[in-house]
Amino acid sequence: MSMKIPSFMKINQHTRFEFTPRYYDERKERLESIKAKYSGNSSEEEFQERIKGSFKQSAKTNTKKGSKTNTRLIMIIAILSYLSWTFIIK
């Protein structure tokens, strides 16, 4: 019989996680919701999905507008920097 020597430090055993990847097709999901919308079967859940979809779509357009604003701001800063540099030199 072998006796185990007591230890003050506890060694944790590794933990295994089971992860099953899922495939999400946004286009297919959108098409199914449009089909359901026009088939006449409207429910509360579909209504909520439409609202979520409209928020996502507006967020995409807002980011496009934001990038245009950033580009315009950079151009204004560049022009002002150039003008101030030319006035300081002359």
N, C-alpha and C. Protein backbone atom coordinates (compact mmCIF):
# COMPACT_ATOMS: atom_id res chain seq x y z
N MET A 1 0.82 -1.17 0.00
CA MET A 1 0.00 0.00 0.00
C MET A 1 0.87 1.25 0.00
N SER A 2 0.57 2.08 -1.00
CA SER A 2 1.32 3.33 -1.06
C SER A 2 0.43 4.44 -0.52
N MET A 3 1.02 5.22 0.31
CA MET A 3 0.29 6.33 0.90
C MET A 3 0.61 7.61 0.16
N LYS A 4 -0.39 8.39 -0.04
CA LYS A 4 -0.21 9.65 -0.73
C LYS A 4 0.25 10.70 0.27
N ILE A 5 1.22 11.49 -0.18
CA ILE A 5 1.75 12.53 0.69
C ILE A 5 0.79 13.72 0.61
N PRO A 6 0.35 14.26 1.72
CA PRO A 6 -0.57 15.40 1.68
C PRO A 6 0.12 16.63 1.09
N SER A 7 -0.65 17.39 0.35
CA SER A 7 -0.11 18.57 -0.30
C SER A 7 -0.92 19.80 0.11
N PHE A 8 -0.23 20.93 0.20
CA PHE A 8 -0.91 22.18 0.55
C PHE A 8 -1.47 22.89 -0.68
N MET A 9 -0.95 22.53 -1.85
CA MET A 9 -1.43 23.16 -3.07
C MET A 9 -2.31 22.18 -3.83
N LYS A 10 -3.42 22.68 -4.31
CA LYS A 10 -4.35 21.86 -5.05
C LYS A 10 -4.10 22.07 -6.55
N ILE A 11 -3.93 21.00 -7.27
CA ILE A 11 -3.70 21.07 -8.71
C ILE A 11 -5.04 20.84 -9.39
N ASN A 12 -5.45 21.79 -10.18
CA ASN A 12 -6.73 21.67 -10.87
C ASN A 12 -6.58 20.77 -12.09
N GLN A 13 -7.60 19.99 -12.30
CA GLN A 13 -7.64 19.14 -13.48
C GLN A 13 -8.18 19.96 -14.65
N HIS A 14 -7.78 19.62 -15.86
CA HIS A 14 -8.27 20.37 -17.02
C HIS A 14 -9.76 20.09 -17.23
N THR A 15 -10.45 21.07 -17.76
CA THR A 15 -11.88 20.97 -18.01
C THR A 15 -12.12 20.94 -19.50
N ARG A 16 -12.94 20.02 -19.94
CA ARG A 16 -13.26 19.92 -21.36
C ARG A 16 -14.60 20.57 -21.61
N PHE A 17 -14.62 21.37 -22.67
CA PHE A 17 -15.85 22.02 -23.07
C PHE A 17 -16.30 21.40 -24.38
N GLU A 18 -17.59 21.19 -24.49
CA GLU A 18 -18.13 20.66 -25.73
C GLU A 18 -18.79 21.81 -26.48
N PHE A 19 -18.26 22.13 -27.62
CA PHE A 19 -18.76 23.23 -28.43
C PHE A 19 -19.09 22.70 -29.81
N THR A 20 -20.34 22.86 -30.19
CA THR A 20 -20.74 22.45 -31.53
C THR A 20 -20.99 23.71 -32.34
N PRO A 21 -20.17 23.99 -33.34
CA PRO A 21 -20.35 25.21 -34.12
C PRO A 21 -21.64 25.15 -34.93
N ARG A 22 -22.28 26.29 -35.05
CA ARG A 22 -23.51 26.38 -35.81
C ARG A 22 -23.30 27.34 -36.97
N TYR A 23 -23.96 27.05 -38.07
CA TYR A 23 -23.86 27.90 -39.25
C TYR A 23 -25.08 28.80 -39.31
N TYR A 24 -24.86 30.08 -39.51
CA TYR A 24 -25.96 31.04 -39.57
C TYR A 24 -25.91 31.73 -40.92
N ASP A 25 -27.00 31.62 -41.65
CA ASP A 25 -27.10 32.25 -42.96
C ASP A 25 -28.07 33.42 -42.85
N GLU A 26 -27.52 34.63 -42.79
CA GLU A 26 -28.35 35.82 -42.59
C GLU A 26 -29.29 36.04 -43.76
N ARG A 27 -28.83 35.78 -44.97
CA ARG A 27 -29.67 35.99 -46.15
C ARG A 27 -30.87 35.04 -46.13
N LYS A 28 -30.61 33.79 -45.80
CA LYS A 28 -31.69 32.81 -45.75
C LYS A 28 -32.72 33.18 -44.67
N GLU A 29 -32.24 33.63 -43.54
CA GLU A 29 -33.12 34.04 -42.45
C GLU A 29 -33.99 35.22 -42.87
N ARG A 30 -33.40 36.18 -43.56
CA ARG A 30 -34.14 37.34 -44.04
C ARG A 30 -35.20 36.94 -45.06
N LEU A 31 -34.83 36.04 -45.99
CA LEU A 31 -35.79 35.57 -46.99
C LEU A 31 -36.96 34.84 -46.35
N GLU A 32 -36.67 34.01 -45.35
CA GLU A 32 -37.75 33.30 -44.67
C GLU A 32 -38.69 34.26 -43.95
N SER A 33 -38.12 35.30 -43.35
CA SER A 33 -38.99 36.26 -42.65
C SER A 33 -39.84 37.04 -43.65
N ILE A 34 -39.29 37.36 -44.82
CA ILE A 34 -40.08 38.07 -45.84
C ILE A 34 -41.18 37.18 -46.37
N LYS A 35 -40.87 35.89 -46.60
CA LYS A 35 -41.89 34.95 -47.06
C LYS A 35 -43.02 34.84 -46.03
N ALA A 36 -42.65 34.74 -44.77
CA ALA A 36 -43.66 34.62 -43.73
C ALA A 36 -44.49 35.89 -43.61
N LYS A 37 -43.86 37.02 -43.85
CA LYS A 37 -44.55 38.30 -43.77
C LYS A 37 -45.66 38.38 -44.81
N TYR A 38 -45.38 37.94 -46.02
CA TYR A 38 -46.35 38.05 -47.10
C TYR A 38 -47.26 36.84 -47.23
N SER A 39 -47.02 35.80 -46.44
CA SER A 39 -47.90 34.64 -46.52
C SER A 39 -49.17 34.84 -45.68
N GLY A 40 -49.19 35.86 -44.85
CA GLY A 40 -50.39 36.14 -44.06
C GLY A 40 -50.29 35.63 -42.64
N ASN A 41 -49.25 34.91 -42.31
CA ASN A 41 -49.08 34.41 -40.95
C ASN A 41 -48.20 35.38 -40.17
N SER A 42 -48.80 36.35 -39.53
CA SER A 42 -48.01 37.29 -38.74
C SER A 42 -48.25 37.02 -37.27
N SER A 43 -47.20 37.02 -36.53
CA SER A 43 -47.30 36.80 -35.10
C SER A 43 -46.46 37.84 -34.38
N GLU A 44 -46.53 37.81 -33.10
CA GLU A 44 -45.77 38.76 -32.27
C GLU A 44 -44.27 38.59 -32.48
N GLU A 45 -43.85 37.34 -32.60
CA GLU A 45 -42.42 37.06 -32.77
C GLU A 45 -41.90 37.60 -34.10
N GLU A 46 -42.66 37.45 -35.15
CA GLU A 46 -42.25 37.97 -36.45
C GLU A 46 -42.20 39.50 -36.42
N PHE A 47 -43.13 40.09 -35.71
CA PHE A 47 -43.13 41.54 -35.58
C PHE A 47 -41.85 42.02 -34.89
N GLN A 48 -41.46 41.32 -33.84
CA GLN A 48 -40.23 41.68 -33.13
C GLN A 48 -39.01 41.49 -34.03
N GLU A 49 -39.01 40.44 -34.84
CA GLU A 49 -37.89 40.21 -35.75
C GLU A 49 -37.80 41.32 -36.79
N ARG A 50 -38.94 41.79 -37.29
CA ARG A 50 -38.93 42.90 -38.25
C ARG A 50 -38.35 44.15 -37.61
N ILE A 51 -38.71 44.40 -36.37
CA ILE A 51 -38.18 45.58 -35.68
C ILE A 51 -36.68 45.46 -35.51
N LYS A 52 -36.21 44.27 -35.10
CA LYS A 52 -34.77 44.06 -34.94
C LYS A 52 -34.05 44.26 -36.28
N GLY A 53 -34.64 43.74 -37.34
CA GLY A 53 -34.05 43.88 -38.65
C GLY A 53 -33.95 45.32 -39.09
N SER A 54 -34.99 46.10 -38.78
CA SER A 54 -34.95 47.51 -39.17
C SER A 54 -33.89 48.26 -38.36
N PHE A 55 -33.70 47.90 -37.09
CA PHE A 55 -32.66 48.54 -36.30
C PHE A 55 -31.28 48.20 -36.84
N LYS A 56 -31.09 46.94 -37.23
CA LYS A 56 -29.80 46.54 -37.79
C LYS A 56 -29.52 47.29 -39.09
N GLN A 57 -30.54 47.41 -39.92
CA GLN A 57 -30.38 48.08 -41.20
C GLN A 57 -30.07 49.55 -41.00
N SER A 58 -30.75 50.19 -40.06
CA SER A 58 -30.48 51.61 -39.81
C SER A 58 -29.10 51.79 -39.20
N ALA A 59 -28.65 50.84 -38.41
CA ALA A 59 -27.30 50.93 -37.84
C ALA A 59 -26.26 50.86 -38.94
N LYS A 60 -26.49 50.02 -39.96
CA LYS A 60 -25.55 49.92 -41.08
C LYS A 60 -25.48 51.25 -41.84
N THR A 61 -26.63 51.88 -42.08
CA THR A 61 -26.62 53.14 -42.81
C THR A 61 -25.99 54.24 -41.97
N ASN A 62 -26.18 54.18 -40.65
CA ASN A 62 -25.57 55.19 -39.78
C ASN A 62 -24.05 55.08 -39.79
N THR A 63 -23.52 53.86 -39.85
CA THR A 63 -22.06 53.71 -39.88
C THR A 63 -21.52 54.23 -41.20
N LYS A 64 -22.27 54.08 -42.29
CA LYS A 64 -21.84 54.62 -43.57
C LYS A 64 -21.81 56.14 -43.50
N LYS A 65 -22.84 56.73 -42.89
CA LYS A 65 -22.88 58.18 -42.74
C LYS A 65 -21.74 58.65 -41.84
N GLY A 66 -21.44 57.87 -40.81
CA GLY A 66 -20.35 58.23 -39.90
C GLY A 66 -19.01 58.23 -40.60
N SER A 67 -18.79 57.30 -41.52
CA SER A 67 -17.52 57.26 -42.24
C SER A 67 -17.40 58.45 -43.18
N LYS A 68 -18.53 58.88 -43.77
CA LYS A 68 -18.50 60.07 -44.62
C LYS A 68 -18.17 61.31 -43.78
N THR A 69 -18.75 61.39 -42.60
CA THR A 69 -18.49 62.52 -41.72
C THR A 69 -17.03 62.55 -41.29
N ASN A 70 -16.47 61.38 -40.99
CA ASN A 70 -15.07 61.31 -40.60
C ASN A 70 -14.16 61.74 -41.74
N THR A 71 -14.48 61.33 -42.95
CA THR A 71 -13.68 61.71 -44.11
C THR A 71 -13.74 63.22 -44.32
N ARG A 72 -14.91 63.79 -44.19
CA ARG A 72 -15.07 65.23 -44.35
C ARG A 72 -14.29 65.97 -43.28
N LEU A 73 -14.32 65.48 -42.05
CA LEU A 73 -13.59 66.11 -40.95
C LEU A 73 -12.08 66.07 -41.20
N ILE A 74 -11.59 64.96 -41.68
CA ILE A 74 -10.16 64.84 -41.99
C ILE A 74 -9.77 65.80 -43.10
N MET A 75 -10.62 65.94 -44.10
CA MET A 75 -10.33 66.87 -45.19
C MET A 75 -10.30 68.32 -44.68
N ILE A 76 -11.23 68.69 -43.82
CA ILE A 76 -11.26 70.04 -43.27
C ILE A 76 -10.01 70.31 -42.43
N ILE A 77 -9.63 69.34 -41.61
CA ILE A 77 -8.42 69.49 -40.79
C ILE A 77 -7.19 69.64 -41.68
N ALA A 78 -7.11 68.85 -42.75
CA ALA A 78 -5.96 68.93 -43.66
C ALA A 78 -5.91 70.30 -44.33
N ILE A 79 -7.04 70.82 -44.78
CA ILE A 79 -7.07 72.12 -45.45
C ILE A 79 -6.68 73.23 -44.48
N LEU A 80 -7.25 73.19 -43.28
CA LEU A 80 -6.91 74.20 -42.28
C LEU A 80 -5.44 74.13 -41.88
N SER A 81 -4.90 72.92 -41.77
CA SER A 81 -3.48 72.77 -41.44
C SER A 81 -2.61 73.36 -42.55
N TYR A 82 -2.97 73.09 -43.79
CA TYR A 82 -2.20 73.62 -44.93
C TYR A 82 -2.27 75.14 -44.96
N LEU A 83 -3.47 75.71 -44.77
CA LEU A 83 -3.62 77.18 -44.77
C LEU A 83 -2.84 77.83 -43.63
N SER A 84 -2.93 77.24 -42.43
CA SER A 84 -2.20 77.81 -41.31
C SER A 84 -0.69 77.69 -41.53
N TRP A 85 -0.24 76.61 -42.13
CA TRP A 85 1.19 76.43 -42.40
C TRP A 85 1.67 77.47 -43.43
N THR A 86 0.85 77.73 -44.47
CA THR A 86 1.26 78.72 -45.46
C THR A 86 1.27 80.13 -44.87
N PHE A 87 0.34 80.47 -43.98
CA PHE A 87 0.34 81.80 -43.38
C PHE A 87 1.50 81.96 -42.38
N ILE A 88 1.86 80.93 -41.69
CA ILE A 88 2.98 81.02 -40.73
C ILE A 88 4.30 81.18 -41.49
N ILE A 89 4.49 80.45 -42.56
CA ILE A 89 5.73 80.52 -43.34
C ILE A 89 5.85 81.89 -44.02
N LYS A 90 4.78 82.43 -44.56
CA LYS A 90 4.84 83.72 -45.26
C LYS A 90 4.68 84.79 -44.27
